[in-house]
Amino acid sequence: MVEMLRELVDKGAEVDAEDGKGRTALTVALAFGQEAAARALLEAGAGVNAGTGRRPLHAAAEKGMVEMLIELAGKGVEVDAEDREGRTALTVALAFGQEGAARALLEAGAGVNAGTGQRPLHAAAMKGMEEMVRELVEKSTEVDAEDGEGRTALTVALAFGQEAAARALLEAGAGVNAGTGRRPLHMAAERGLVEMLSDSEQKVELVGSARASVETVRLVKEAGADFGGAVQWAEASGLCFSAEILQLVQE
C-alpha cells in the first residue's frame, strides 16, 4: 500500500489531515507498526508534531519502534509532548514495557519528570522494570512525585505486586508515608508485602481493607502500624472485618 499512499499524496491528499480522533496518517501508520508506510509519509512531508490527538512519537513508542523514534527525534519532534492523558512518549514506552524505546527517548533528551498525567517513574514501577526505575531515579527523578490519583511510584509498584521495583524505590529513599491518595502501606497490605515496610521507623497509618487477610493485618501490626480510624472507616464504608481481624486491630 506504500505506492497507494504516494499516489494519494500526489493527487493532493492533505498529508497531515486528522481523523476523528485527532490522528494524522503518520500516527496511524506507526500505531499499526507500518514502518514502510510511515517512511513514505515522512518523505511526503508529514509533520512529526502534527495532530491534536495522539502524536506520532507516542505511537512509535508504544510499538517499540526504536529506529523510527531516532528518526523522528532527528526531524525535530517535541520529545516531551503530551498525549490527551498527559503522558509523554517516554511514559508510554515504559507503560508498554518497551525498554529499548524508552532508552532511545532518554538519549534523545526526554524529561524523566515530564508529563502532567502518569509519570515515567510510575510507569516503570507499574511494569516492574527495576533497572529502569534505578536509572530514572539516578537522573534526578522526583521519587515521591504523585500521579493524578495522588499515588507515588512506590504505591503503584506495590499495587501491581512489583516487589523488586518497590525495593529499588525504597533504596532510593521513597517515602513510606508519601502521597495524598492511597498510601504505600495500603497497597502492601492488600498484596501481602507488608514485611517490606517493617524497617521504617516512621509512624504509618493503615486504612482498613475488606480484602486484608488475618495474616496481612498481623504483619502490619508487627511492623508498628497505627490502625487508628481503620474500624470507623470500614463501618462508614459499609464494610466489616472478620472477628479475628477486629480483635487484632483493637488490641
C-alpha atoms as a PDB file:
ATOM      1  CA  MET A   1       0.000   0.000   0.000  1.00  0.00           C
ATOM      2  CA  VAL A   2       3.031   2.288   0.059  1.00  0.00           C
ATOM      3  CA  GLU A   3       2.599   3.062  -3.625  1.00  0.00           C
ATOM      4  CA  MET A   4      -1.041   3.881  -2.997  1.00  0.00           C
ATOM      5  CA  LEU A   5      -0.013   6.319  -0.270  1.00  0.00           C
ATOM      6  CA  ARG A   6       2.356   8.060  -2.637  1.00  0.00           C
ATOM      7  CA  GLU A   7      -0.331   8.198  -5.325  1.00  0.00           C
ATOM      8  CA  LEU A   8      -2.855   9.731  -2.937  1.00  0.00           C
ATOM      9  CA  VAL A   9      -0.359  12.369  -1.868  1.00  0.00           C
ATOM     10  CA  ASP A  10       0.480  13.118  -5.497  1.00  0.00           C
ATOM     11  CA  LYS A  11      -3.228  13.649  -6.126  1.00  0.00           C
ATOM     12  CA  GLY A  12      -3.407  16.300  -3.435  1.00  0.00           C
ATOM     13  CA  ALA A  13      -4.255  14.399  -0.268  1.00  0.00           C
ATOM     14  CA  GLU A  14      -3.608  16.546   2.819  1.00  0.00           C
ATOM     15  CA  VAL A  15      -0.762  14.620   4.405  1.00  0.00           C
ATOM     16  CA  ASP A  16      -1.401  15.974   7.898  1.00  0.00           C
ATOM     17  CA  ALA A  17      -5.188  15.808   7.850  1.00  0.00           C
ATOM     18  CA  GLU A  18      -6.671  14.413  11.073  1.00  0.00           C
ATOM     19  CA  ASP A  19      -9.173  11.628  11.593  1.00  0.00           C
ATOM     20  CA  GLY A  20     -11.999  11.772  14.122  1.00  0.00           C
ATOM     21  CA  LYS A  21      -9.538  11.043  16.936  1.00  0.00           C
ATOM     22  CA  GLY A  22      -7.157  13.831  16.029  1.00  0.00           C
ATOM     23  CA  ARG A  23      -4.579  11.483  14.492  1.00  0.00           C
ATOM     24  CA  THR A  24      -2.657  12.050  11.289  1.00  0.00           C
ATOM     25  CA  ALA A  25      -1.932   9.275   8.796  1.00  0.00           C
ATOM     26  CA  LEU A  26       1.625   9.118  10.133  1.00  0.00           C
ATOM     27  CA  THR A  27       0.383   8.387  13.639  1.00  0.00           C
ATOM     28  CA  VAL A  28      -1.972   5.712  12.325  1.00  0.00           C
ATOM     29  CA  ALA A  29       0.786   4.050  10.309  1.00  0.00           C
ATOM     30  CA  LEU A  30       3.025   3.923  13.379  1.00  0.00           C
ATOM     31  CA  ALA A  31       0.204   2.722  15.629  1.00  0.00           C
ATOM     32  CA  PHE A  32      -0.175  -0.308  13.381  1.00  0.00           C
ATOM     33  CA  GLY A  33       3.563  -0.890  13.060  1.00  0.00           C
ATOM     34  CA  GLN A  34       3.610   0.009   9.363  1.00  0.00           C
ATOM     35  CA  GLU A  35       7.166   1.317   9.140  1.00  0.00           C
ATOM     36  CA  ALA A  36       7.334   1.477   5.336  1.00  0.00           C
ATOM     37  CA  ALA A  37       4.120   3.482   5.169  1.00  0.00           C
ATOM     38  CA  ALA A  38       5.394   5.799   7.895  1.00  0.00           C
ATOM     39  CA  ARG A  39       8.614   6.435   5.976  1.00  0.00           C
ATOM     40  CA  ALA A  40       6.668   7.153   2.785  1.00  0.00           C
ATOM     41  CA  LEU A  41       4.566   9.713   4.665  1.00  0.00           C
ATOM     42  CA  LEU A  42       7.671  11.333   6.134  1.00  0.00           C
ATOM     43  CA  GLU A  43       9.162  11.568   2.645  1.00  0.00           C
ATOM     44  CA  ALA A  44       5.925  13.264   1.569  1.00  0.00           C
ATOM     45  CA  GLY A  45       6.379  15.900   4.277  1.00  0.00           C
ATOM     46  CA  ALA A  46       4.228  14.554   7.096  1.00  0.00           C
ATOM     47  CA  GLY A  47       4.657  16.612  10.241  1.00  0.00           C
ATOM     48  CA  VAL A  48       6.315  14.809  13.132  1.00  0.00           C
ATOM     49  CA  ASN A  49       4.445  17.011  15.615  1.00  0.00           C
ATOM     50  CA  ALA A  50       1.140  17.164  13.764  1.00  0.00           C
ATOM     51  CA  GLY A  51      -2.192  16.073  15.213  1.00  0.00           C
ATOM     52  CA  THR A  52      -4.358  17.239  18.068  1.00  0.00           C
ATOM     53  CA  GLY A  53      -4.886  13.701  19.319  1.00  0.00           C
ATOM     54  CA  ARG A  54      -2.252  11.060  19.676  1.00  0.00           C
ATOM     55  CA  ARG A  55       1.191  12.059  18.410  1.00  0.00           C
ATOM     56  CA  PRO A  56       3.412  10.041  16.054  1.00  0.00           C
ATOM     57  CA  LEU A  57       6.106   9.750  18.724  1.00  0.00           C
ATOM     58  CA  HIS A  58       3.694   8.162  21.209  1.00  0.00           C
ATOM     59  CA  ALA A  59       2.549   5.605  18.654  1.00  0.00           C
ATOM     60  CA  ALA A  60       6.124   4.642  17.794  1.00  0.00           C
ATOM     61  CA  ALA A  61       6.988   4.424  21.498  1.00  0.00           C
ATOM     62  CA  GLU A  62       4.111   2.039  22.217  1.00  0.00           C
ATOM     63  CA  LYS A  63       5.194  -0.245  19.390  1.00  0.00           C
ATOM     64  CA  GLY A  64       8.840  -0.155  20.430  1.00  0.00           C
ATOM     65  CA  MET A  65       9.950   1.165  17.022  1.00  0.00           C
ATOM     66  CA  VAL A  66      13.411   2.295  18.093  1.00  0.00           C
ATOM     67  CA  GLU A  67      14.704   3.280  14.636  1.00  0.00           C
ATOM     68  CA  MET A  68      11.596   5.325  13.938  1.00  0.00           C
ATOM     69  CA  LEU A  69      11.945   7.078  17.286  1.00  0.00           C
ATOM     70  CA  ILE A  70      15.517   8.014  16.464  1.00  0.00           C
ATOM     71  CA  GLU A  71      14.439   9.276  13.037  1.00  0.00           C
ATOM     72  CA  LEU A  72      11.563  11.318  14.479  1.00  0.00           C
ATOM     73  CA  ALA A  73      13.890  12.839  17.056  1.00  0.00           C
ATOM     74  CA  GLY A  74      16.267  13.830  14.265  1.00  0.00           C
ATOM     75  CA  LYS A  75      13.413  15.631  12.498  1.00  0.00           C
ATOM     76  CA  GLY A  76      12.719  17.967  15.412  1.00  0.00           C
ATOM     77  CA  VAL A  77       9.965  16.099  17.219  1.00  0.00           C
ATOM     78  CA  GLU A  78       8.791  17.554  20.526  1.00  0.00           C
ATOM     79  CA  VAL A  79      10.154  14.754  22.676  1.00  0.00           C
ATOM     80  CA  ASP A  80       8.184  15.718  25.804  1.00  0.00           C
ATOM     81  CA  ALA A  81       4.867  16.475  24.116  1.00  0.00           C
ATOM     82  CA  GLU A  82       1.897  15.033  26.000  1.00  0.00           C
ATOM     83  CA  ASP A  83      -0.992  12.935  24.763  1.00  0.00           C
ATOM     84  CA  ARG A  84      -4.563  13.578  25.852  1.00  0.00           C
ATOM     85  CA  GLU A  85      -3.888  11.717  29.090  1.00  0.00           C
ATOM     86  CA  GLY A  86      -0.960  13.948  29.952  1.00  0.00           C
ATOM     87  CA  ARG A  87       1.646  11.260  29.200  1.00  0.00           C
ATOM     88  CA  THR A  88       4.906  11.771  27.344  1.00  0.00           C
ATOM     89  CA  ALA A  89       6.221   9.249  24.833  1.00  0.00           C
ATOM     90  CA  LEU A  90       8.706   8.077  27.470  1.00  0.00           C
ATOM     91  CA  THR A  91       5.878   7.241  29.840  1.00  0.00           C
ATOM     92  CA  VAL A  92       4.027   5.400  27.067  1.00  0.00           C
ATOM     93  CA  ALA A  93       7.117   3.371  26.170  1.00  0.00           C
ATOM     94  CA  LEU A  94       7.575   2.336  29.798  1.00  0.00           C
ATOM     95  CA  ALA A  95       3.867   1.624  30.302  1.00  0.00           C
ATOM     96  CA  PHE A  96       4.075  -0.895  27.455  1.00  0.00           C
ATOM     97  CA  GLY A  97       7.347  -2.395  28.661  1.00  0.00           C
ATOM     98  CA  GLN A  98       9.320  -1.103  25.660  1.00  0.00           C
ATOM     99  CA  GLU A  99      12.717  -0.686  27.307  1.00  0.00           C
ATOM    100  CA  GLY A 100      14.608  -0.157  24.045  1.00  0.00           C
ATOM    101  CA  ALA A 101      12.229   2.608  23.032  1.00  0.00           C
ATOM    102  CA  ALA A 102      12.493   4.192  26.466  1.00  0.00           C
ATOM    103  CA  ARG A 103      16.282   4.257  26.278  1.00  0.00           C
ATOM    104  CA  ALA A 104      16.164   5.786  22.789  1.00  0.00           C
ATOM    105  CA  LEU A 105      13.890   8.538  24.096  1.00  0.00           C
ATOM    106  CA  LEU A 106      16.167   9.191  27.062  1.00  0.00           C
ATOM    107  CA  GLU A 107      19.108   9.518  24.681  1.00  0.00           C
ATOM    108  CA  ALA A 108      17.009  11.993  22.664  1.00  0.00           C
ATOM    109  CA  GLY A 109      16.588  14.147  25.773  1.00  0.00           C
ATOM    110  CA  ALA A 110      13.225  13.006  27.111  1.00  0.00           C
ATOM    111  CA  GLY A 111      12.491  14.510  30.515  1.00  0.00           C
ATOM    112  CA  VAL A 112      12.316  11.999  33.358  1.00  0.00           C
ATOM    113  CA  ASN A 113       9.917  14.251  35.286  1.00  0.00           C
ATOM    114  CA  ALA A 114       7.855  15.418  32.311  1.00  0.00           C
ATOM    115  CA  GLY A 115       4.114  14.933  31.926  1.00  0.00           C
ATOM    116  CA  THR A 116       1.056  16.131  33.781  1.00  0.00           C
ATOM    117  CA  GLY A 117      -0.535  12.680  33.829  1.00  0.00           C
ATOM    118  CA  GLN A 118       1.191   9.412  34.615  1.00  0.00           C
ATOM    119  CA  ARG A 119       4.919   9.959  35.191  1.00  0.00           C
ATOM    120  CA  PRO A 120       7.723   7.863  33.655  1.00  0.00           C
ATOM    121  CA  LEU A 121       8.738   6.543  37.079  1.00  0.00           C
ATOM    122  CA  HIS A 122       5.178   5.410  37.837  1.00  0.00           C
ATOM    123  CA  ALA A 123       5.006   3.570  34.504  1.00  0.00           C
ATOM    124  CA  ALA A 124       8.328   1.816  35.098  1.00  0.00           C
ATOM    125  CA  ALA A 125       7.212   0.874  38.605  1.00  0.00           C
ATOM    126  CA  MET A 126       3.908  -0.486  37.284  1.00  0.00           C
ATOM    127  CA  LYS A 127       5.722  -2.770  34.818  1.00  0.00           C
ATOM    128  CA  GLY A 128       8.310  -3.883  37.373  1.00  0.00           C
ATOM    129  CA  MET A 129      11.225  -2.518  35.339  1.00  0.00           C
ATOM    130  CA  GLU A 130      13.717  -2.475  38.197  1.00  0.00           C
ATOM    131  CA  GLU A 131      16.745  -1.277  36.226  1.00  0.00           C
ATOM    132  CA  MET A 132      14.750   1.492  34.569  1.00  0.00           C
ATOM    133  CA  VAL A 133      13.472   2.571  37.976  1.00  0.00           C
ATOM    134  CA  ARG A 134      17.041   2.864  39.232  1.00  0.00           C
ATOM    135  CA  GLU A 135      18.132   4.712  36.102  1.00  0.00           C
ATOM    136  CA  LEU A 136      15.271   7.201  36.308  1.00  0.00           C
ATOM    137  CA  VAL A 137      15.996   7.888  39.967  1.00  0.00           C
ATOM    138  CA  GLU A 138      19.666   8.481  39.147  1.00  0.00           C
ATOM    139  CA  LYS A 139      18.562  11.062  36.568  1.00  0.00           C
ATOM    140  CA  SER A 140      17.034  13.160  39.356  1.00  0.00           C
ATOM    141  CA  THR A 141      13.515  11.881  39.168  1.00  0.00           C
ATOM    142  CA  GLU A 142      11.278  13.172  41.957  1.00  0.00           C
ATOM    143  CA  VAL A 143      10.948   9.842  43.711  1.00  0.00           C
ATOM    144  CA  ASP A 144       7.828  10.817  45.668  1.00  0.00           C
ATOM    145  CA  ALA A 145       6.036  12.668  42.876  1.00  0.00           C
ATOM    146  CA  GLU A 146       2.315  11.860  42.707  1.00  0.00           C
ATOM    147  CA  ASP A 147       0.183  10.754  39.788  1.00  0.00           C
ATOM    148  CA  GLY A 148      -3.317  12.040  39.090  1.00  0.00           C
ATOM    149  CA  GLU A 149      -4.694   9.808  41.852  1.00  0.00           C
ATOM    150  CA  GLY A 150      -2.261  11.080  44.460  1.00  0.00           C
ATOM    151  CA  ARG A 151      -0.158   7.900  44.395  1.00  0.00           C
ATOM    152  CA  THR A 152       3.630   7.759  44.468  1.00  0.00           C
ATOM    153  CA  ALA A 153       5.628   5.344  42.326  1.00  0.00           C
ATOM    154  CA  LEU A 154       6.132   3.186  45.422  1.00  0.00           C
ATOM    155  CA  THR A 155       2.382   2.870  45.894  1.00  0.00           C
ATOM    156  CA  VAL A 156       1.973   1.963  42.223  1.00  0.00           C
ATOM    157  CA  ALA A 157       4.706  -0.677  42.382  1.00  0.00           C
ATOM    158  CA  LEU A 158       3.031  -2.267  45.387  1.00  0.00           C
ATOM    159  CA  ALA A 159      -0.420  -2.042  43.778  1.00  0.00           C
ATOM    160  CA  PHE A 160       0.839  -4.157  40.875  1.00  0.00           C
ATOM    161  CA  GLY A 161       2.802  -6.560  43.063  1.00  0.00           C
ATOM    162  CA  GLN A 162       6.156  -5.409  41.672  1.00  0.00           C
ATOM    163  CA  GLU A 163       8.282  -6.184  44.705  1.00  0.00           C
ATOM    164  CA  ALA A 164      11.708  -5.697  43.060  1.00  0.00           C
ATOM    165  CA  ALA A 165      10.713  -2.258  41.750  1.00  0.00           C
ATOM    166  CA  ALA A 166       9.303  -1.351  45.149  1.00  0.00           C
ATOM    167  CA  ARG A 167      12.540  -2.337  46.874  1.00  0.00           C
ATOM    168  CA  ALA A 168      14.528  -0.261  44.380  1.00  0.00           C
ATOM    169  CA  LEU A 169      12.350   2.742  45.192  1.00  0.00           C
ATOM    170  CA  LEU A 170      12.766   2.217  48.925  1.00  0.00           C
ATOM    171  CA  GLU A 171      16.542   2.050  48.457  1.00  0.00           C
ATOM    172  CA  ALA A 172      16.303   5.339  46.561  1.00  0.00           C
ATOM    173  CA  GLY A 173      14.600   6.983  49.526  1.00  0.00           C
ATOM    174  CA  ALA A 174      10.932   6.712  48.583  1.00  0.00           C
ATOM    175  CA  GLY A 175       8.762   7.844  51.461  1.00  0.00           C
ATOM    176  CA  VAL A 176       6.629   5.175  53.088  1.00  0.00           C
ATOM    177  CA  ASN A 177       4.095   7.821  54.131  1.00  0.00           C
ATOM    178  CA  ALA A 178       4.206   9.884  50.934  1.00  0.00           C
ATOM    179  CA  GLY A 179       1.206  10.550  48.717  1.00  0.00           C
ATOM    180  CA  THR A 180      -2.135  12.265  49.139  1.00  0.00           C
ATOM    181  CA  GLY A 181      -4.007   9.305  47.635  1.00  0.00           C
ATOM    182  CA  ARG A 182      -3.628   5.689  48.639  1.00  0.00           C
ATOM    183  CA  ARG A 183      -0.550   5.096  50.763  1.00  0.00           C
ATOM    184  CA  PRO A 184       2.201   2.509  50.166  1.00  0.00           C
ATOM    185  CA  LEU A 185       1.142   0.568  53.262  1.00  0.00           C
ATOM    186  CA  HIS A 186      -2.430   0.217  51.981  1.00  0.00           C
ATOM    187  CA  MET A 187      -1.130  -1.444  48.842  1.00  0.00           C
ATOM    188  CA  ALA A 188       1.367  -3.591  50.694  1.00  0.00           C
ATOM    189  CA  ALA A 189      -1.396  -4.829  52.961  1.00  0.00           C
ATOM    190  CA  GLU A 190      -3.574  -5.856  50.036  1.00  0.00           C
ATOM    191  CA  ARG A 191      -0.704  -7.528  48.233  1.00  0.00           C
ATOM    192  CA  GLY A 192       0.762  -9.251  51.278  1.00  0.00           C
ATOM    193  CA  LEU A 193       4.039  -7.357  51.046  1.00  0.00           C
ATOM    194  CA  VAL A 194       3.896  -5.617  54.397  1.00  0.00           C
ATOM    195  CA  GLU A 195       7.214  -7.021  55.535  1.00  0.00           C
ATOM    196  CA  MET A 196       8.886  -4.694  53.042  1.00  0.00           C
ATOM    197  CA  LEU A 197       7.947  -1.666  55.110  1.00  0.00           C
ATOM    198  CA  SER A 198       8.632  -3.152  58.530  1.00  0.00           C
ATOM    199  CA  ASP A 199      12.032  -1.486  58.844  1.00  0.00           C
ATOM    200  CA  SER A 200      10.587   2.015  58.740  1.00  0.00           C
ATOM    201  CA  GLU A 201      10.840   3.931  61.988  1.00  0.00           C
ATOM    202  CA  GLN A 202       8.134   6.321  60.836  1.00  0.00           C
ATOM    203  CA  LYS A 203       4.597   6.005  62.178  1.00  0.00           C
ATOM    204  CA  VAL A 204       2.328   4.780  59.395  1.00  0.00           C
ATOM    205  CA  GLU A 205      -1.424   4.546  59.166  1.00  0.00           C
ATOM    206  CA  LEU A 206      -3.394   1.779  57.502  1.00  0.00           C
ATOM    207  CA  VAL A 207      -6.960   2.339  56.394  1.00  0.00           C
ATOM    208  CA  GLY A 208      -8.981  -0.838  56.826  1.00  0.00           C
ATOM    209  CA  SER A 209      -9.348  -3.102  53.833  1.00  0.00           C
ATOM    210  CA  ALA A 210     -12.119  -5.612  53.372  1.00  0.00           C
ATOM    211  CA  ARG A 211      -9.626  -7.766  51.487  1.00  0.00           C
ATOM    212  CA  ALA A 212      -6.926  -7.706  54.130  1.00  0.00           C
ATOM    213  CA  SER A 213      -6.253 -11.189  55.422  1.00  0.00           C
ATOM    214  CA  VAL A 214      -5.660 -12.010  59.078  1.00  0.00           C
ATOM    215  CA  GLU A 215      -2.019 -12.734  58.351  1.00  0.00           C
ATOM    216  CA  THR A 216      -1.609  -9.448  56.482  1.00  0.00           C
ATOM    217  CA  VAL A 217      -3.092  -7.490  59.351  1.00  0.00           C
ATOM    218  CA  ARG A 218      -0.872  -9.344  61.813  1.00  0.00           C
ATOM    219  CA  LEU A 219       2.199  -8.475  59.753  1.00  0.00           C
ATOM    220  CA  VAL A 220       1.201  -4.817  59.619  1.00  0.00           C
ATOM    221  CA  LYS A 221       0.591  -4.832  63.343  1.00  0.00           C
ATOM    222  CA  GLU A 222       4.038  -6.272  63.961  1.00  0.00           C
ATOM    223  CA  ALA A 223       5.505  -3.620  61.635  1.00  0.00           C
ATOM    224  CA  GLY A 224       4.278  -0.997  64.082  1.00  0.00           C
ATOM    225  CA  ALA A 225       1.437   0.408  62.013  1.00  0.00           C
ATOM    226  CA  ASP A 226      -1.153   2.694  63.563  1.00  0.00           C
ATOM    227  CA  PHE A 227      -4.643   1.351  62.967  1.00  0.00           C
ATOM    228  CA  GLY A 228      -6.356   4.499  64.206  1.00  0.00           C
ATOM    229  CA  GLY A 229      -9.533   5.127  62.230  1.00  0.00           C
ATOM    230  CA  ALA A 230      -9.490   1.808  60.400  1.00  0.00           C
ATOM    231  CA  VAL A 231     -12.592   0.392  62.070  1.00  0.00           C
ATOM    232  CA  GLN A 232     -14.514   3.665  61.750  1.00  0.00           C
ATOM    233  CA  TRP A 233     -13.578   3.919  58.073  1.00  0.00           C
ATOM    234  CA  ALA A 234     -14.712   0.373  57.399  1.00  0.00           C
ATOM    235  CA  GLU A 235     -18.044   0.940  59.144  1.00  0.00           C
ATOM    236  CA  ALA A 236     -18.628   4.215  57.276  1.00  0.00           C
ATOM    237  CA  SER A 237     -17.887   2.437  54.000  1.00  0.00           C
ATOM    238  CA  GLY A 238     -20.329  -0.374  54.738  1.00  0.00           C
ATOM    239  CA  LEU A 239     -17.508  -2.892  55.152  1.00  0.00           C
ATOM    240  CA  CYS A 240     -16.653  -5.125  58.046  1.00  0.00           C
ATOM    241  CA  PHE A 241     -13.689  -7.009  59.424  1.00  0.00           C
ATOM    242  CA  SER A 242     -13.811 -10.621  60.472  1.00  0.00           C
ATOM    243  CA  ALA A 243     -13.970 -11.158  64.225  1.00  0.00           C
ATOM    244  CA  GLU A 244     -10.301 -12.188  64.308  1.00  0.00           C
ATOM    245  CA  ILE A 245      -9.150  -9.116  62.365  1.00  0.00           C
ATOM    246  CA  LEU A 246     -11.329  -6.867  64.506  1.00  0.00           C
ATOM    247  CA  GLN A 247      -9.667  -8.277  67.628  1.00  0.00           C
ATOM    248  CA  LEU A 248      -6.220  -7.636  66.139  1.00  0.00           C
ATOM    249  CA  VAL A 249      -6.851  -4.024  65.225  1.00  0.00           C
ATOM    250  CA  GLN A 250      -8.417  -3.217  68.597  1.00  0.00           C
ATOM    251  CA  GLU A 251      -5.620  -4.698  70.717  1.00  0.00           C
END
